Amino acid sequence: KSERKCLCAANPCWDSAGLLHSCPSPSFPYLRFSYDDKGRMSCSCSSKPFYSSVYMSLNMCPGHVCEDADFPVLDYEQREGGRCICRRHPC
């Protein structure tokens, strides 16, 4: 049965096929992940936070990342013709 609900999950880079990624540099402390259009995950360190879910990054917006610190949240906008966008953080 398919349920539509939110859940919290760990960053997939913390366990990527048994490999633990981390970002020890104070200049690039944020561990981010993305998926390409073939579903391959990549992990990197960034100076800016990035907010997304595995589902959004893998299924809805593969290949998209949000680089702008003012718009760090990856989202899918159906009203805009079905496209991936970067939103402001709601807080």
PDB file of N, CA and C in Angstrom:
ATOM      1  N   LYS A   1       0.835  -1.172   0.000  1.00  0.00           N
ATOM      2  CA  LYS A   1       0.000   0.000   0.000  1.00  0.00           C
ATOM      3  C   LYS A   1       0.889   1.247   0.000  1.00  0.00           C
ATOM      4  N   SER A   2       0.604   2.145  -0.890  1.00  0.00           N
ATOM      5  CA  SER A   2       1.367   3.379  -0.976  1.00  0.00           C
ATOM      6  C   SER A   2       0.752   4.436  -0.063  1.00  0.00           C
ATOM      7  N   GLU A   3       1.577   5.002   0.800  1.00  0.00           N
ATOM      8  CA  GLU A   3       1.113   6.042   1.705  1.00  0.00           C
ATOM      9  C   GLU A   3       1.815   7.345   1.377  1.00  0.00           C
ATOM     10  N   ARG A   4       1.077   8.427   1.478  1.00  0.00           N
ATOM     11  CA  ARG A   4       1.657   9.754   1.271  1.00  0.00           C
ATOM     12  C   ARG A   4       1.894  10.369   2.636  1.00  0.00           C
ATOM     13  N   LYS A   5       3.144  10.316   3.082  1.00  0.00           N
ATOM     14  CA  LYS A   5       3.469  10.895   4.372  1.00  0.00           C
ATOM     15  C   LYS A   5       4.928  11.333   4.382  1.00  0.00           C
ATOM     16  N   CYS A   6       5.245  12.202   5.293  1.00  0.00           N
ATOM     17  CA  CYS A   6       6.610  12.679   5.452  1.00  0.00           C
ATOM     18  C   CYS A   6       7.373  11.740   6.374  1.00  0.00           C
ATOM     19  N   LEU A   7       8.682  11.697   6.187  1.00  0.00           N
ATOM     20  CA  LEU A   7       9.520  10.935   7.088  1.00  0.00           C
ATOM     21  C   LEU A   7      10.891  11.580   7.151  1.00  0.00           C
ATOM     22  N   CYS A   8      11.599  11.289   8.192  1.00  0.00           N
ATOM     23  CA  CYS A   8      12.961  11.787   8.349  1.00  0.00           C
ATOM     24  C   CYS A   8      13.916  10.649   8.024  1.00  0.00           C
ATOM     25  N   ALA A   9      14.960  10.964   7.284  1.00  0.00           N
ATOM     26  CA  ALA A   9      15.942   9.950   6.909  1.00  0.00           C
ATOM     27  C   ALA A   9      17.330  10.560   7.001  1.00  0.00           C
ATOM     28  N   ALA A  10      18.314   9.718   7.212  1.00  0.00           N
ATOM     29  CA  ALA A  10      19.700  10.166   7.291  1.00  0.00           C
ATOM     30  C   ALA A  10      20.203  10.580   5.912  1.00  0.00           C
ATOM     31  N   ASN A  11      21.186  11.448   5.905  1.00  0.00           N
ATOM     32  CA  ASN A  11      21.842  11.820   4.662  1.00  0.00           C
ATOM     33  C   ASN A  11      22.397  10.542   4.023  1.00  0.00           C
ATOM     34  N   PRO A  12      22.069  10.261   2.770  1.00  0.00           N
ATOM     35  CA  PRO A  12      22.523   9.008   2.157  1.00  0.00           C
ATOM     36  C   PRO A  12      24.041   8.922   2.016  1.00  0.00           C
ATOM     37  N   CYS A  13      24.749  10.032   2.115  1.00  0.00           N
ATOM     38  CA  CYS A  13      26.216  10.017   2.037  1.00  0.00           C
ATOM     39  C   CYS A  13      26.844   9.467   3.313  1.00  0.00           C
ATOM     40  N   TRP A  14      26.066   9.351   4.389  1.00  0.00           N
ATOM     41  CA  TRP A  14      26.594   8.785   5.620  1.00  0.00           C
ATOM     42  C   TRP A  14      26.768   7.276   5.509  1.00  0.00           C
ATOM     43  N   ASP A  15      26.106   6.661   4.528  1.00  0.00           N
ATOM     44  CA  ASP A  15      26.282   5.230   4.273  1.00  0.00           C
ATOM     45  C   ASP A  15      26.068   4.993   2.786  1.00  0.00           C
ATOM     46  N   SER A  16      27.083   5.242   2.015  1.00  0.00           N
ATOM     47  CA  SER A  16      27.033   5.081   0.568  1.00  0.00           C
ATOM     48  C   SER A  16      27.790   3.804   0.207  1.00  0.00           C
ATOM     49  N   ALA A  17      27.053   2.699   0.130  1.00  0.00           N
ATOM     50  CA  ALA A  17      27.651   1.378  -0.137  1.00  0.00           C
ATOM     51  C   ALA A  17      28.754   1.074   0.875  1.00  0.00           C
ATOM     52  N   GLY A  18      28.494   1.394   2.134  1.00  0.00           N
ATOM     53  CA  GLY A  18      29.435   1.126   3.203  1.00  0.00           C
ATOM     54  C   GLY A  18      30.478   2.212   3.412  1.00  0.00           C
ATOM     55  N   LEU A  19      30.493   3.223   2.567  1.00  0.00           N
ATOM     56  CA  LEU A  19      31.457   4.319   2.682  1.00  0.00           C
ATOM     57  C   LEU A  19      30.819   5.485   3.432  1.00  0.00           C
ATOM     58  N   LEU A  20      31.523   6.003   4.415  1.00  0.00           N
ATOM     59  CA  LEU A  20      31.046   7.144   5.204  1.00  0.00           C
ATOM     60  C   LEU A  20      31.729   8.405   4.702  1.00  0.00           C
ATOM     61  N   HIS A  21      30.955   9.323   4.136  1.00  0.00           N
ATOM     62  CA  HIS A  21      31.480  10.610   3.690  1.00  0.00           C
ATOM     63  C   HIS A  21      31.348  11.606   4.834  1.00  0.00           C
ATOM     64  N   SER A  22      32.276  12.539   4.917  1.00  0.00           N
ATOM     65  CA  SER A  22      32.204  13.596   5.914  1.00  0.00           C
ATOM     66  C   SER A  22      32.857  14.848   5.349  1.00  0.00           C
ATOM     67  N   CYS A  23      32.644  15.959   6.023  1.00  0.00           N
ATOM     68  CA  CYS A  23      33.174  17.248   5.588  1.00  0.00           C
ATOM     69  C   CYS A  23      33.922  17.901   6.750  1.00  0.00           C
ATOM     70  N   PRO A  24      35.174  17.534   6.948  1.00  0.00           N
ATOM     71  CA  PRO A  24      35.918  18.046   8.098  1.00  0.00           C
ATOM     72  C   PRO A  24      36.406  19.490   7.953  1.00  0.00           C
ATOM     73  N   SER A  25      36.417  20.028   6.748  1.00  0.00           N
ATOM     74  CA  SER A  25      36.917  21.390   6.554  1.00  0.00           C
ATOM     75  C   SER A  25      35.911  22.422   7.055  1.00  0.00           C
ATOM     76  N   PRO A  26      36.327  23.344   7.919  1.00  0.00           N
ATOM     77  CA  PRO A  26      35.424  24.404   8.384  1.00  0.00           C
ATOM     78  C   PRO A  26      34.940  25.307   7.248  1.00  0.00           C
ATOM     79  N   SER A  27      35.675  25.367   6.167  1.00  0.00           N
ATOM     80  CA  SER A  27      35.272  26.194   5.016  1.00  0.00           C
ATOM     81  C   SER A  27      34.164  25.545   4.192  1.00  0.00           C
ATOM     82  N   PHE A  28      34.075  24.207   4.263  1.00  0.00           N
ATOM     83  CA  PHE A  28      33.063  23.462   3.502  1.00  0.00           C
ATOM     84  C   PHE A  28      32.440  22.406   4.413  1.00  0.00           C
ATOM     85  N   PRO A  29      31.648  22.831   5.407  1.00  0.00           N
ATOM     86  CA  PRO A  29      31.160  21.890   6.419  1.00  0.00           C
ATOM     87  C   PRO A  29      29.891  21.118   6.062  1.00  0.00           C
ATOM     88  N   TYR A  30      29.235  21.485   4.967  1.00  0.00           N
ATOM     89  CA  TYR A  30      27.923  20.888   4.667  1.00  0.00           C
ATOM     90  C   TYR A  30      28.050  19.739   3.673  1.00  0.00           C
ATOM     91  N   LEU A  31      27.636  18.563   4.110  1.00  0.00           N
ATOM     92  CA  LEU A  31      27.640  17.378   3.252  1.00  0.00           C
ATOM     93  C   LEU A  31      26.377  17.381   2.408  1.00  0.00           C
ATOM     94  N   ARG A  32      26.563  17.387   1.106  1.00  0.00           N
ATOM     95  CA  ARG A  32      25.398  17.418   0.216  1.00  0.00           C
ATOM     96  C   ARG A  32      25.434  16.234  -0.727  1.00  0.00           C
ATOM     97  N   PHE A  33      24.267  15.862  -1.199  1.00  0.00           N
ATOM     98  CA  PHE A  33      24.154  14.753  -2.142  1.00  0.00           C
ATOM     99  C   PHE A  33      23.331  15.202  -3.334  1.00  0.00           C
ATOM    100  N   SER A  34      23.531  14.522  -4.422  1.00  0.00           N
ATOM    101  CA  SER A  34      22.712  14.751  -5.609  1.00  0.00           C
ATOM    102  C   SER A  34      22.718  13.468  -6.423  1.00  0.00           C
ATOM    103  N   TYR A  35      21.783  13.386  -7.333  1.00  0.00           N
ATOM    104  CA  TYR A  35      21.678  12.239  -8.230  1.00  0.00           C
ATOM    105  C   TYR A  35      21.667  12.747  -9.661  1.00  0.00           C
ATOM    106  N   ASP A  36      22.354  12.005 -10.544  1.00  0.00           N
ATOM    107  CA  ASP A  36      22.296  12.393 -11.951  1.00  0.00           C
ATOM    108  C   ASP A  36      21.077  11.747 -12.596  1.00  0.00           C
ATOM    109  N   ASP A  37      20.889  11.986 -13.878  1.00  0.00           N
ATOM    110  CA  ASP A  37      19.685  11.479 -14.550  1.00  0.00           C
ATOM    111  C   ASP A  37      19.679   9.963 -14.722  1.00  0.00           C
ATOM    112  N   LYS A  38      20.763   9.294 -14.376  1.00  0.00           N
ATOM    113  CA  LYS A  38      20.813   7.828 -14.410  1.00  0.00           C
ATOM    114  C   LYS A  38      20.680   7.227 -13.009  1.00  0.00           C
ATOM    115  N   GLY A  39      20.452   8.087 -12.008  1.00  0.00           N
ATOM    116  CA  GLY A  39      20.250   7.615 -10.644  1.00  0.00           C
ATOM    117  C   GLY A  39      21.523   7.397  -9.857  1.00  0.00           C
ATOM    118  N   ARG A  40      22.660   7.844 -10.373  1.00  0.00           N
ATOM    119  CA  ARG A  40      23.925   7.705  -9.652  1.00  0.00           C
ATOM    120  C   ARG A  40      24.068   8.850  -8.649  1.00  0.00           C
ATOM    121  N   MET A  41      24.365   8.485  -7.413  1.00  0.00           N
ATOM    122  CA  MET A  41      24.508   9.484  -6.362  1.00  0.00           C
ATOM    123  C   MET A  41      25.936  10.007  -6.318  1.00  0.00           C
ATOM    124  N   SER A  42      26.056  11.296  -6.015  1.00  0.00           N
ATOM    125  CA  SER A  42      27.369  11.865  -5.744  1.00  0.00           C
ATOM    126  C   SER A  42      27.279  12.659  -4.446  1.00  0.00           C
ATOM    127  N   CYS A  43      28.374  12.672  -3.713  1.00  0.00           N
ATOM    128  CA  CYS A  43      28.462  13.382  -2.448  1.00  0.00           C
ATOM    129  C   CYS A  43      29.554  14.430  -2.562  1.00  0.00           C
ATOM    130  N   SER A  44      29.321  15.572  -1.954  1.00  0.00           N
ATOM    131  CA  SER A  44      30.322  16.640  -1.970  1.00  0.00           C
ATOM    132  C   SER A  44      30.167  17.497  -0.726  1.00  0.00           C
ATOM    133  N   CYS A  45      31.171  18.318  -0.479  1.00  0.00           N
ATOM    134  CA  CYS A  45      31.146  19.249   0.641  1.00  0.00           C
ATOM    135  C   CYS A  45      30.932  20.650   0.092  1.00  0.00           C
ATOM    136  N   SER A  46      30.147  21.437   0.809  1.00  0.00           N
ATOM    137  CA  SER A  46      29.807  22.774   0.346  1.00  0.00           C
ATOM    138  C   SER A  46      29.945  23.785   1.477  1.00  0.00           C
ATOM    139  N   SER A  47      30.127  25.037   1.093  1.00  0.00           N
ATOM    140  CA  SER A  47      30.164  26.109   2.082  1.00  0.00           C
ATOM    141  C   SER A  47      28.758  26.559   2.462  1.00  0.00           C
ATOM    142  N   LYS A  48      27.748  26.095   1.680  1.00  0.00           N
ATOM    143  CA  LYS A  48      26.357  26.505   1.912  1.00  0.00           C
ATOM    144  C   LYS A  48      25.479  25.277   2.174  1.00  0.00           C
ATOM    145  N   PRO A  49      24.513  25.406   3.066  1.00  0.00           N
ATOM    146  CA  PRO A  49      23.593  24.287   3.282  1.00  0.00           C
ATOM    147  C   PRO A  49      22.685  24.073   2.080  1.00  0.00           C
ATOM    148  N   PHE A  50      22.180  22.871   1.965  1.00  0.00           N
ATOM    149  CA  PHE A  50      21.307  22.460   0.867  1.00  0.00           C
ATOM    150  C   PHE A  50      20.242  21.567   1.471  1.00  0.00           C
ATOM    151  N   TYR A  51      18.988  21.806   1.130  1.00  0.00           N
ATOM    152  CA  TYR A  51      17.893  21.050   1.730  1.00  0.00           C
ATOM    153  C   TYR A  51      17.115  20.317   0.649  1.00  0.00           C
ATOM    154  N   SER A  52      17.092  19.012   0.763  1.00  0.00           N
ATOM    155  CA  SER A  52      16.329  18.188  -0.167  1.00  0.00           C
ATOM    156  C   SER A  52      16.101  16.833   0.477  1.00  0.00           C
ATOM    157  N   SER A  53      15.327  16.020  -0.194  1.00  0.00           N
ATOM    158  CA  SER A  53      15.122  14.640   0.245  1.00  0.00           C
ATOM    159  C   SER A  53      15.650  13.716  -0.851  1.00  0.00           C
ATOM    160  N   VAL A  54      15.891  12.487  -0.477  1.00  0.00           N
ATOM    161  CA  VAL A  54      16.319  11.505  -1.478  1.00  0.00           C
ATOM    162  C   VAL A  54      15.253  11.396  -2.555  1.00  0.00           C
ATOM    163  N   TYR A  55      13.989  11.329  -2.160  1.00  0.00           N
ATOM    164  CA  TYR A  55      12.913  11.191  -3.148  1.00  0.00           C
ATOM    165  C   TYR A  55      12.920  12.359  -4.136  1.00  0.00           C
ATOM    166  N   MET A  56      13.002  13.565  -3.623  1.00  0.00           N
ATOM    167  CA  MET A  56      12.974  14.741  -4.492  1.00  0.00           C
ATOM    168  C   MET A  56      14.193  14.746  -5.422  1.00  0.00           C
ATOM    169  N   SER A  57      15.365  14.483  -4.861  1.00  0.00           N
ATOM    170  CA  SER A  57      16.602  14.527  -5.644  1.00  0.00           C
ATOM    171  C   SER A  57      16.707  13.393  -6.649  1.00  0.00           C
ATOM    172  N   LEU A  58      16.229  12.226  -6.282  1.00  0.00           N
ATOM    173  CA  LEU A  58      16.357  11.049  -7.147  1.00  0.00           C
ATOM    174  C   LEU A  58      15.209  10.901  -8.139  1.00  0.00           C
ATOM    175  N   ASN A  59      13.976  11.097  -7.678  1.00  0.00           N
ATOM    176  CA  ASN A  59      12.806  10.814  -8.511  1.00  0.00           C
ATOM    177  C   ASN A  59      12.239  12.022  -9.241  1.00  0.00           C
ATOM    178  N   MET A  60      12.226  13.155  -8.588  1.00  0.00           N
ATOM    179  CA  MET A  60      11.583  14.329  -9.177  1.00  0.00           C
ATOM    180  C   MET A  60      12.559  15.269  -9.882  1.00  0.00           C
ATOM    181  N   CYS A  61      13.736  15.430  -9.325  1.00  0.00           N
ATOM    182  CA  CYS A  61      14.672  16.451  -9.834  1.00  0.00           C
ATOM    183  C   CYS A  61      16.102  15.938  -9.984  1.00  0.00           C
ATOM    184  N   PRO A  62      16.317  14.776 -10.605  1.00  0.00           N
ATOM    185  CA  PRO A  62      17.697  14.320 -10.762  1.00  0.00           C
ATOM    186  C   PRO A  62      18.491  15.318 -11.590  1.00  0.00           C
ATOM    187  N   GLY A  63      19.733  15.536 -11.165  1.00  0.00           N
ATOM    188  CA  GLY A  63      20.595  16.473 -11.875  1.00  0.00           C
ATOM    189  C   GLY A  63      20.485  17.908 -11.404  1.00  0.00           C
ATOM    190  N   HIS A  64      19.556  18.192 -10.498  1.00  0.00           N
ATOM    191  CA  HIS A  64      19.353  19.562 -10.013  1.00  0.00           C
ATOM    192  C   HIS A  64      19.920  19.707  -8.603  1.00  0.00           C
ATOM    193  N   VAL A  65      20.606  20.811  -8.357  1.00  0.00           N
ATOM    194  CA  VAL A  65      21.060  21.182  -7.019  1.00  0.00           C
ATOM    195  C   VAL A  65      20.804  22.677  -6.850  1.00  0.00           C
ATOM    196  N   CYS A  66      20.696  23.104  -5.617  1.00  0.00           N
ATOM    197  CA  CYS A  66      20.463  24.521  -5.322  1.00  0.00           C
ATOM    198  C   CYS A  66      21.752  25.119  -4.790  1.00  0.00           C
ATOM    199  N   GLU A  67      22.363  25.988  -5.570  1.00  0.00           N
ATOM    200  CA  GLU A  67      23.645  26.592  -5.216  1.00  0.00           C
ATOM    201  C   GLU A  67      23.498  27.934  -4.511  1.00  0.00           C
ATOM    202  N   ASP A  68      22.378  28.603  -4.690  1.00  0.00           N
ATOM    203  CA  ASP A  68      22.173  29.940  -4.130  1.00  0.00           C
ATOM    204  C   ASP A  68      21.798  29.833  -2.648  1.00  0.00           C
ATOM    205  N   ALA A  69      22.589  30.457  -1.774  1.00  0.00           N
ATOM    206  CA  ALA A  69      22.330  30.391  -0.333  1.00  0.00           C
ATOM    207  C   ALA A  69      20.982  30.998   0.048  1.00  0.00           C
ATOM    208  N   ASP A  70      20.448  31.889  -0.769  1.00  0.00           N
ATOM    209  CA  ASP A  70      19.137  32.484  -0.490  1.00  0.00           C
ATOM    210  C   ASP A  70      17.981  31.572  -0.908  1.00  0.00           C
ATOM    211  N   PHE A  71      18.259  30.574  -1.736  1.00  0.00           N
ATOM    212  CA  PHE A  71      17.241  29.640  -2.238  1.00  0.00           C
ATOM    213  C   PHE A  71      17.791  28.213  -2.142  1.00  0.00           C
ATOM    214  N   PRO A  72      17.944  27.690  -0.916  1.00  0.00           N
ATOM    215  CA  PRO A  72      18.622  26.403  -0.738  1.00  0.00           C
ATOM    216  C   PRO A  72      17.738  25.154  -0.756  1.00  0.00           C
ATOM    217  N   VAL A  73      16.432  25.311  -0.946  1.00  0.00           N
ATOM    218  CA  VAL A  73      15.512  24.178  -0.823  1.00  0.00           C
ATOM    219  C   VAL A  73      15.058  23.705  -2.202  1.00  0.00           C
ATOM    220  N   LEU A  74      15.414  22.474  -2.551  1.00  0.00           N
ATOM    221  CA  LEU A  74      15.000  21.889  -3.827  1.00  0.00           C
ATOM    222  C   LEU A  74      13.547  21.452  -3.733  1.00  0.00           C
ATOM    223  N   ASP A  75      12.755  21.859  -4.715  1.00  0.00           N
ATOM    224  CA  ASP A  75      11.324  21.543  -4.712  1.00  0.00           C
ATOM    225  C   ASP A  75      10.858  21.327  -6.148  1.00  0.00           C
ATOM    226  N   TYR A  76       9.677  20.749  -6.280  1.00  0.00           N
ATOM    227  CA  TYR A  76       9.061  20.515  -7.583  1.00  0.00           C
ATOM    228  C   TYR A  76       7.782  21.331  -7.639  1.00  0.00           C
ATOM    229  N   GLU A  77       7.669  22.155  -8.631  1.00  0.00           N
ATOM    230  CA  GLU A  77       6.518  23.053  -8.766  1.00  0.00           C
ATOM    231  C   GLU A  77       5.629  22.587  -9.914  1.00  0.00           C
ATOM    232  N   GLN A  78       4.467  22.062  -9.580  1.00  0.00           N
ATOM    233  CA  GLN A  78       3.531  21.593 -10.609  1.00  0.00           C
ATOM    234  C   GLN A  78       2.851  22.752 -11.312  1.00  0.00           C
ATOM    235  N   ARG A  79       2.580  23.842 -10.577  1.00  0.00           N
ATOM    236  CA  ARG A  79       1.876  24.985 -11.171  1.00  0.00           C
ATOM    237  C   ARG A  79       2.718  25.712 -12.201  1.00  0.00           C
ATOM    238  N   GLU A  80       4.008  25.530 -12.160  1.00  0.00           N
ATOM    239  CA  GLU A  80       4.905  26.204 -13.093  1.00  0.00           C
ATOM    240  C   GLU A  80       5.216  25.331 -14.302  1.00  0.00           C
ATOM    241  N   GLY A  81       4.329  24.422 -14.629  1.00  0.00           N
ATOM    242  CA  GLY A  81       4.553  23.557 -15.777  1.00  0.00           C
ATOM    243  C   GLY A  81       5.350  22.312 -15.454  1.00  0.00           C
ATOM    244  N   GLY A  82       5.439  21.976 -14.177  1.00  0.00           N
ATOM    245  CA  GLY A  82       6.145  20.771 -13.776  1.00  0.00           C
ATOM    246  C   GLY A  82       7.645  20.904 -13.891  1.00  0.00           C
ATOM    247  N   ARG A  83       8.217  21.747 -13.062  1.00  0.00           N
ATOM    248  CA  ARG A  83       9.664  21.942 -13.126  1.00  0.00           C
ATOM    249  C   ARG A  83      10.265  21.982 -11.723  1.00  0.00           C
ATOM    250  N   CYS A  84      11.546  21.728 -11.662  1.00  0.00           N
ATOM    251  CA  CYS A  84      12.280  21.774 -10.395  1.00  0.00           C
ATOM    252  C   CYS A  84      12.710  23.216 -10.142  1.00  0.00           C
ATOM    253  N   ILE A  85      12.565  23.623  -8.892  1.00  0.00           N
ATOM    254  CA  ILE A  85      12.940  24.994  -8.524  1.00  0.00           C
ATOM    255  C   ILE A  85      13.688  24.976  -7.195  1.00  0.00           C
ATOM    256  N   CYS A  86      14.358  26.070  -6.917  1.00  0.00           N
ATOM    257  CA  CYS A  86      15.014  26.265  -5.626  1.00  0.00           C
ATOM    258  C   CYS A  86      14.236  27.351  -4.889  1.00  0.00           C
ATOM    259  N   ARG A  87      13.774  27.022  -3.700  1.00  0.00           N
ATOM    260  CA  ARG A  87      12.957  27.933  -2.900  1.00  0.00           C
ATOM    261  C   ARG A  87      13.759  28.523  -1.743  1.00  0.00           C
ATOM    262  N   ARG A  88      13.222  29.605  -1.193  1.00  0.00           N
ATOM    263  CA  ARG A  88      13.743  30.146   0.063  1.00  0.00           C
ATOM    264  C   ARG A  88      13.451  29.142   1.169  1.00  0.00           C
ATOM    265  N   HIS A  89      14.251  29.146   2.195  1.00  0.00           N
ATOM    266  CA  HIS A  89      13.980  28.308   3.363  1.00  0.00           C
ATOM    267  C   HIS A  89      12.742  28.866   4.051  1.00  0.00           C
ATOM    268  N   PRO A  90      11.781  28.051   4.445  1.00  0.00           N
ATOM    269  CA  PRO A  90      10.536  28.554   5.032  1.00  0.00           C
ATOM    270  C   PRO A  90      10.705  29.233   6.389  1.00  0.00           C
ATOM    271  N   CYS A  91      11.807  29.018   7.053  1.00  0.00           N
ATOM    272  CA  CYS A  91      12.021  29.662   8.365  1.00  0.00           C
ATOM    273  C   CYS A  91      12.708  30.978   8.182  1.00  0.00           C
TER     274      CYS A  91
END
